[in-house]
């Protein structure tokens, strides 16, 4: 029984390792794009229902776009195998990440509290995923985790700032 369990884990590790780049693509792009978009929507809209709707629309469109792009990239690479599978891994990872990041906007009332929870969720996902990849690939954890955190949160801060400036410039403070 233990031998079968080890064989199953080895098989899953090899399959996961084969598609880790597709998973990283979906996860990282969703984290960077969606935290940035949700930060911008929060500053611009100040309404959780509108933020959730805009985020859901953006997330679904981006999921389909990323899956299609991964499929086309793998299809164009003569050395790549199974472009459909890679696209499914990318799209599924992207969609799950979008759902987790949007959850606070559906559950809470205050948009800035929701954004804080969203960013905390993003930081947790980044930390857990970076740890898992570091273990799988036997790579350093802390530097990679800090790099991914800084990229995601820098994009969020820039999007938030742009939205704040646009809101101020177009005098949308009462909206």
C-alpha atoms as a PDB file:
ATOM      1  CA  UNK A   1       0.000   0.000   0.000  1.00  0.00           C
ATOM      2  CA  UNK A   2       2.789   2.420   0.890  1.00  0.00           C
ATOM      3  CA  UNK A   3       4.611   1.545  -2.330  1.00  0.00           C
ATOM      4  CA  UNK A   4       1.483   2.325  -4.399  1.00  0.00           C
ATOM      5  CA  UNK A   5       1.076   5.656  -2.599  1.00  0.00           C
ATOM      6  CA  UNK A   6       4.703   6.548  -3.308  1.00  0.00           C
ATOM      7  CA  UNK A   7       4.291   5.604  -6.990  1.00  0.00           C
ATOM      8  CA  UNK A   8       1.168   7.776  -7.215  1.00  0.00           C
ATOM      9  CA  UNK A   9       2.979  10.730  -5.618  1.00  0.00           C
ATOM     10  CA  UNK A  10       5.948  10.257  -7.954  1.00  0.00           C
ATOM     11  CA  UNK A  11       3.597  10.218 -10.962  1.00  0.00           C
ATOM     12  CA  UNK A  12       1.810  13.358  -9.757  1.00  0.00           C
ATOM     13  CA  UNK A  13       5.150  15.085  -9.107  1.00  0.00           C
ATOM     14  CA  UNK A  14       6.349  14.287 -12.637  1.00  0.00           C
ATOM     15  CA  UNK A  15       3.059  15.423 -14.204  1.00  0.00           C
ATOM     16  CA  UNK A  16       3.018  18.577 -12.096  1.00  0.00           C
ATOM     17  CA  UNK A  17       6.663  19.243 -12.905  1.00  0.00           C
ATOM     18  CA  UNK A  18       5.932  18.821 -16.631  1.00  0.00           C
ATOM     19  CA  UNK A  19       3.247  21.515 -16.517  1.00  0.00           C
ATOM     20  CA  UNK A  20       4.718  23.740 -13.803  1.00  0.00           C
ATOM     21  CA  UNK A  21       5.470  26.500 -16.326  1.00  0.00           C
ATOM     22  CA  UNK A  22       1.800  26.531 -17.404  1.00  0.00           C
ATOM     23  CA  UNK A  23       0.711  26.690 -13.754  1.00  0.00           C
ATOM     24  CA  UNK A  24       3.220  29.458 -12.966  1.00  0.00           C
ATOM     25  CA  UNK A  25       2.040  31.418 -16.006  1.00  0.00           C
ATOM     26  CA  UNK A  26      -1.623  31.227 -14.983  1.00  0.00           C
ATOM     27  CA  UNK A  27      -0.973  31.915 -11.322  1.00  0.00           C
ATOM     28  CA  UNK A  28       1.520  34.733 -11.703  1.00  0.00           C
ATOM     29  CA  UNK A  29      -0.398  36.524 -14.433  1.00  0.00           C
ATOM     30  CA  UNK A  30      -3.658  36.266 -12.486  1.00  0.00           C
ATOM     31  CA  UNK A  31      -2.029  37.560  -9.316  1.00  0.00           C
ATOM     32  CA  UNK A  32      -0.324  40.492 -11.014  1.00  0.00           C
ATOM     33  CA  UNK A  33      -3.162  41.419 -13.349  1.00  0.00           C
ATOM     34  CA  UNK A  34      -6.074  40.899 -10.977  1.00  0.00           C
ATOM     35  CA  UNK A  35      -4.551  42.542  -7.900  1.00  0.00           C
ATOM     36  CA  UNK A  36      -3.710  45.524 -10.103  1.00  0.00           C
ATOM     37  CA  UNK A  37      -7.159  45.602 -11.686  1.00  0.00           C
ATOM     38  CA  UNK A  38      -8.969  45.164  -8.372  1.00  0.00           C
ATOM     39  CA  UNK A  39      -6.885  47.904  -6.748  1.00  0.00           C
ATOM     40  CA  UNK A  40      -7.736  50.214  -9.639  1.00  0.00           C
ATOM     41  CA  UNK A  41     -11.417  49.262  -9.603  1.00  0.00           C
ATOM     42  CA  UNK A  42     -11.539  49.810  -5.838  1.00  0.00           C
ATOM     43  CA  UNK A  43     -10.146  53.317  -6.109  1.00  0.00           C
ATOM     44  CA  UNK A  44     -12.250  54.225  -9.128  1.00  0.00           C
ATOM     45  CA  UNK A  45     -15.587  52.651  -8.189  1.00  0.00           C
ATOM     46  CA  UNK A  46     -15.857  52.506  -4.360  1.00  0.00           C
ATOM     47  CA  UNK A  47     -18.698  49.941  -4.667  1.00  0.00           C
ATOM     48  CA  UNK A  48     -18.139  46.232  -3.993  1.00  0.00           C
ATOM     49  CA  UNK A  49     -20.885  45.071  -6.352  1.00  0.00           C
ATOM     50  CA  UNK A  50     -19.407  47.079  -9.233  1.00  0.00           C
ATOM     51  CA  UNK A  51     -15.857  46.051  -8.322  1.00  0.00           C
ATOM     52  CA  UNK A  52     -16.897  42.377  -8.197  1.00  0.00           C
ATOM     53  CA  UNK A  53     -18.700  42.651 -11.550  1.00  0.00           C
ATOM     54  CA  UNK A  54     -15.762  44.405 -13.211  1.00  0.00           C
ATOM     55  CA  UNK A  55     -13.327  41.931 -11.631  1.00  0.00           C
ATOM     56  CA  UNK A  56     -15.362  38.914 -12.667  1.00  0.00           C
ATOM     57  CA  UNK A  57     -15.672  40.147 -16.244  1.00  0.00           C
ATOM     58  CA  UNK A  58     -11.972  40.975 -16.402  1.00  0.00           C
ATOM     59  CA  UNK A  59     -11.031  37.662 -14.775  1.00  0.00           C
ATOM     60  CA  UNK A  60     -13.085  35.476 -17.102  1.00  0.00           C
ATOM     61  CA  UNK A  61     -11.875  37.313 -20.212  1.00  0.00           C
ATOM     62  CA  UNK A  62      -8.261  37.138 -19.017  1.00  0.00           C
ATOM     63  CA  UNK A  63      -8.632  33.429 -18.175  1.00  0.00           C
ATOM     64  CA  UNK A  64      -9.787  32.641 -21.702  1.00  0.00           C
ATOM     65  CA  UNK A  65      -7.076  34.856 -23.175  1.00  0.00           C
ATOM     66  CA  UNK A  66      -4.304  33.221 -21.121  1.00  0.00           C
ATOM     67  CA  UNK A  67      -5.487  29.691 -21.913  1.00  0.00           C
ATOM     68  CA  UNK A  68      -5.669  30.511 -25.630  1.00  0.00           C
ATOM     69  CA  UNK A  69      -2.229  32.154 -25.552  1.00  0.00           C
ATOM     70  CA  UNK A  70      -0.696  29.153 -23.771  1.00  0.00           C
ATOM     71  CA  UNK A  71      -2.269  26.810 -26.318  1.00  0.00           C
ATOM     72  CA  UNK A  72      -0.936  28.846 -29.264  1.00  0.00           C
ATOM     73  CA  UNK A  73       2.519  29.167 -27.695  1.00  0.00           C
ATOM     74  CA  UNK A  74       2.779  25.420 -27.120  1.00  0.00           C
ATOM     75  CA  UNK A  75       1.347  24.666 -30.565  1.00  0.00           C
ATOM     76  CA  UNK A  76       4.005  26.883 -32.190  1.00  0.00           C
ATOM     77  CA  UNK A  77       6.838  25.173 -30.288  1.00  0.00           C
ATOM     78  CA  UNK A  78       7.870  21.956 -32.087  1.00  0.00           C
ATOM     79  CA  UNK A  79       9.407  20.575 -28.875  1.00  0.00           C
ATOM     80  CA  UNK A  80       6.260  21.180 -26.791  1.00  0.00           C
ATOM     81  CA  UNK A  81       3.753  18.416 -26.290  1.00  0.00           C
ATOM     82  CA  UNK A  82       0.112  18.477 -25.264  1.00  0.00           C
ATOM     83  CA  UNK A  83      -0.842  22.125 -25.925  1.00  0.00           C
ATOM     84  CA  UNK A  84      -4.451  21.451 -24.819  1.00  0.00           C
ATOM     85  CA  UNK A  85      -3.296  20.142 -21.449  1.00  0.00           C
ATOM     86  CA  UNK A  86      -0.972  23.098 -20.908  1.00  0.00           C
ATOM     87  CA  UNK A  87      -3.807  25.488 -21.793  1.00  0.00           C
ATOM     88  CA  UNK A  88      -6.119  23.752 -19.322  1.00  0.00           C
ATOM     89  CA  UNK A  89      -3.525  24.019 -16.542  1.00  0.00           C
ATOM     90  CA  UNK A  90      -2.969  27.719 -17.280  1.00  0.00           C
ATOM     91  CA  UNK A  91      -6.654  28.569 -17.552  1.00  0.00           C
ATOM     92  CA  UNK A  92      -7.701  26.555 -14.511  1.00  0.00           C
ATOM     93  CA  UNK A  93      -4.978  28.051 -12.349  1.00  0.00           C
ATOM     94  CA  UNK A  94      -5.890  31.539 -13.552  1.00  0.00           C
ATOM     95  CA  UNK A  95      -9.612  31.066 -12.881  1.00  0.00           C
ATOM     96  CA  UNK A  96      -9.102  29.617  -9.390  1.00  0.00           C
ATOM     97  CA  UNK A  97      -6.807  32.524  -8.520  1.00  0.00           C
ATOM     98  CA  UNK A  98      -9.368  35.034  -9.828  1.00  0.00           C
ATOM     99  CA  UNK A  99     -12.105  33.420  -7.717  1.00  0.00           C
ATOM    100  CA  UNK A 100      -9.974  33.553  -4.557  1.00  0.00           C
ATOM    101  CA  UNK A 101      -9.038  37.197  -5.139  1.00  0.00           C
ATOM    102  CA  UNK A 102     -12.661  38.218  -5.822  1.00  0.00           C
ATOM    103  CA  UNK A 103     -14.120  36.427  -2.819  1.00  0.00           C
ATOM    104  CA  UNK A 104     -13.710  39.348  -0.368  1.00  0.00           C
ATOM    105  CA  UNK A 105     -15.591  41.674  -2.731  1.00  0.00           C
ATOM    106  CA  UNK A 106     -18.561  39.289  -2.714  1.00  0.00           C
ATOM    107  CA  UNK A 107     -18.469  38.673   1.041  1.00  0.00           C
ATOM    108  CA  UNK A 108     -17.659  42.062   2.598  1.00  0.00           C
ATOM    109  CA  UNK A 109     -19.283  45.495   2.406  1.00  0.00           C
ATOM    110  CA  UNK A 110     -16.354  47.907   2.538  1.00  0.00           C
ATOM    111  CA  UNK A 111     -14.308  48.052  -0.689  1.00  0.00           C
ATOM    112  CA  UNK A 112     -11.040  49.005   1.019  1.00  0.00           C
ATOM    113  CA  UNK A 113     -11.365  46.195   3.558  1.00  0.00           C
ATOM    114  CA  UNK A 114     -12.135  43.863   0.647  1.00  0.00           C
ATOM    115  CA  UNK A 115      -9.024  45.076  -1.166  1.00  0.00           C
ATOM    116  CA  UNK A 116      -6.930  44.486   1.957  1.00  0.00           C
ATOM    117  CA  UNK A 117      -8.281  40.929   2.231  1.00  0.00           C
ATOM    118  CA  UNK A 118      -7.668  40.436  -1.492  1.00  0.00           C
ATOM    119  CA  UNK A 119      -4.044  41.511  -1.129  1.00  0.00           C
ATOM    120  CA  UNK A 120      -3.618  39.293   1.942  1.00  0.00           C
ATOM    121  CA  UNK A 121      -5.023  36.390  -0.092  1.00  0.00           C
ATOM    122  CA  UNK A 122      -2.586  37.195  -2.909  1.00  0.00           C
ATOM    123  CA  UNK A 123       0.340  37.265  -0.473  1.00  0.00           C
ATOM    124  CA  UNK A 124      -0.745  33.914   0.975  1.00  0.00           C
ATOM    125  CA  UNK A 125      -1.070  32.323  -2.480  1.00  0.00           C
ATOM    126  CA  UNK A 126       2.335  33.667  -3.517  1.00  0.00           C
ATOM    127  CA  UNK A 127       3.976  32.403  -0.329  1.00  0.00           C
ATOM    128  CA  UNK A 128       2.432  28.922  -0.519  1.00  0.00           C
ATOM    129  CA  UNK A 129       3.067  28.473  -4.234  1.00  0.00           C
ATOM    130  CA  UNK A 130       6.643  29.764  -4.065  1.00  0.00           C
ATOM    131  CA  UNK A 131       7.304  27.390  -1.172  1.00  0.00           C
ATOM    132  CA  UNK A 132       5.861  24.429  -3.120  1.00  0.00           C
ATOM    133  CA  UNK A 133       7.900  25.224  -6.240  1.00  0.00           C
ATOM    134  CA  UNK A 134      11.045  25.744  -4.149  1.00  0.00           C
ATOM    135  CA  UNK A 135      10.571  22.292  -2.618  1.00  0.00           C
ATOM    136  CA  UNK A 136       9.734  20.643  -5.941  1.00  0.00           C
ATOM    137  CA  UNK A 137      12.627  22.214  -7.817  1.00  0.00           C
ATOM    138  CA  UNK A 138      15.018  22.456  -4.855  1.00  0.00           C
ATOM    139  CA  UNK A 139      15.419  26.211  -5.358  1.00  0.00           C
ATOM    140  CA  UNK A 140      15.744  28.999  -2.795  1.00  0.00           C
ATOM    141  CA  UNK A 141      12.426  30.141  -1.347  1.00  0.00           C
ATOM    142  CA  UNK A 142      12.814  33.567   0.256  1.00  0.00           C
ATOM    143  CA  UNK A 143      14.321  35.509  -2.654  1.00  0.00           C
ATOM    144  CA  UNK A 144      11.808  34.143  -5.164  1.00  0.00           C
ATOM    145  CA  UNK A 145       8.903  34.793  -2.802  1.00  0.00           C
ATOM    146  CA  UNK A 146       9.974  38.384  -2.122  1.00  0.00           C
ATOM    147  CA  UNK A 147      10.461  39.007  -5.843  1.00  0.00           C
ATOM    148  CA  UNK A 148       6.982  37.739  -6.707  1.00  0.00           C
ATOM    149  CA  UNK A 149       5.431  39.701  -3.810  1.00  0.00           C
ATOM    150  CA  UNK A 150       7.160  42.915  -4.879  1.00  0.00           C
ATOM    151  CA  UNK A 151       6.063  42.532  -8.507  1.00  0.00           C
ATOM    152  CA  UNK A 152       2.420  41.862  -7.625  1.00  0.00           C
ATOM    153  CA  UNK A 153       2.144  44.629  -5.056  1.00  0.00           C
ATOM    154  CA  UNK A 154       4.023  47.164  -7.189  1.00  0.00           C
ATOM    155  CA  UNK A 155       1.518  46.649 -10.003  1.00  0.00           C
ATOM    156  CA  UNK A 156      -1.347  47.019  -7.506  1.00  0.00           C
ATOM    157  CA  UNK A 157       0.111  50.234  -6.112  1.00  0.00           C
ATOM    158  CA  UNK A 158       0.628  51.685  -9.607  1.00  0.00           C
ATOM    159  CA  UNK A 159      -2.936  50.784 -10.679  1.00  0.00           C
ATOM    160  CA  UNK A 160      -4.340  52.229  -7.456  1.00  0.00           C
ATOM    161  CA  UNK A 161      -2.344  55.450  -7.994  1.00  0.00           C
ATOM    162  CA  UNK A 162      -3.429  55.791 -11.627  1.00  0.00           C
ATOM    163  CA  UNK A 163      -7.060  55.286 -10.648  1.00  0.00           C
ATOM    164  CA  UNK A 164      -6.760  57.797  -7.819  1.00  0.00           C
ATOM    165  CA  UNK A 165      -5.213  60.355 -10.210  1.00  0.00           C
ATOM    166  CA  UNK A 166      -7.876  59.721 -12.865  1.00  0.00           C
ATOM    167  CA  UNK A 167     -10.651  60.015 -10.289  1.00  0.00           C
ATOM    168  CA  UNK A 168      -9.165  63.303  -9.058  1.00  0.00           C
ATOM    169  CA  UNK A 169      -8.451  64.618 -12.586  1.00  0.00           C
ATOM    170  CA  UNK A 170     -11.982  63.911 -13.836  1.00  0.00           C
ATOM    171  CA  UNK A 171     -13.471  65.150 -10.542  1.00  0.00           C
ATOM    172  CA  UNK A 172     -15.275  61.884  -9.803  1.00  0.00           C
ATOM    173  CA  UNK A 173     -14.990  62.248  -6.035  1.00  0.00           C
ATOM    174  CA  UNK A 174     -18.775  62.215  -5.552  1.00  0.00           C
ATOM    175  CA  UNK A 175     -19.228  59.019  -7.533  1.00  0.00           C
END
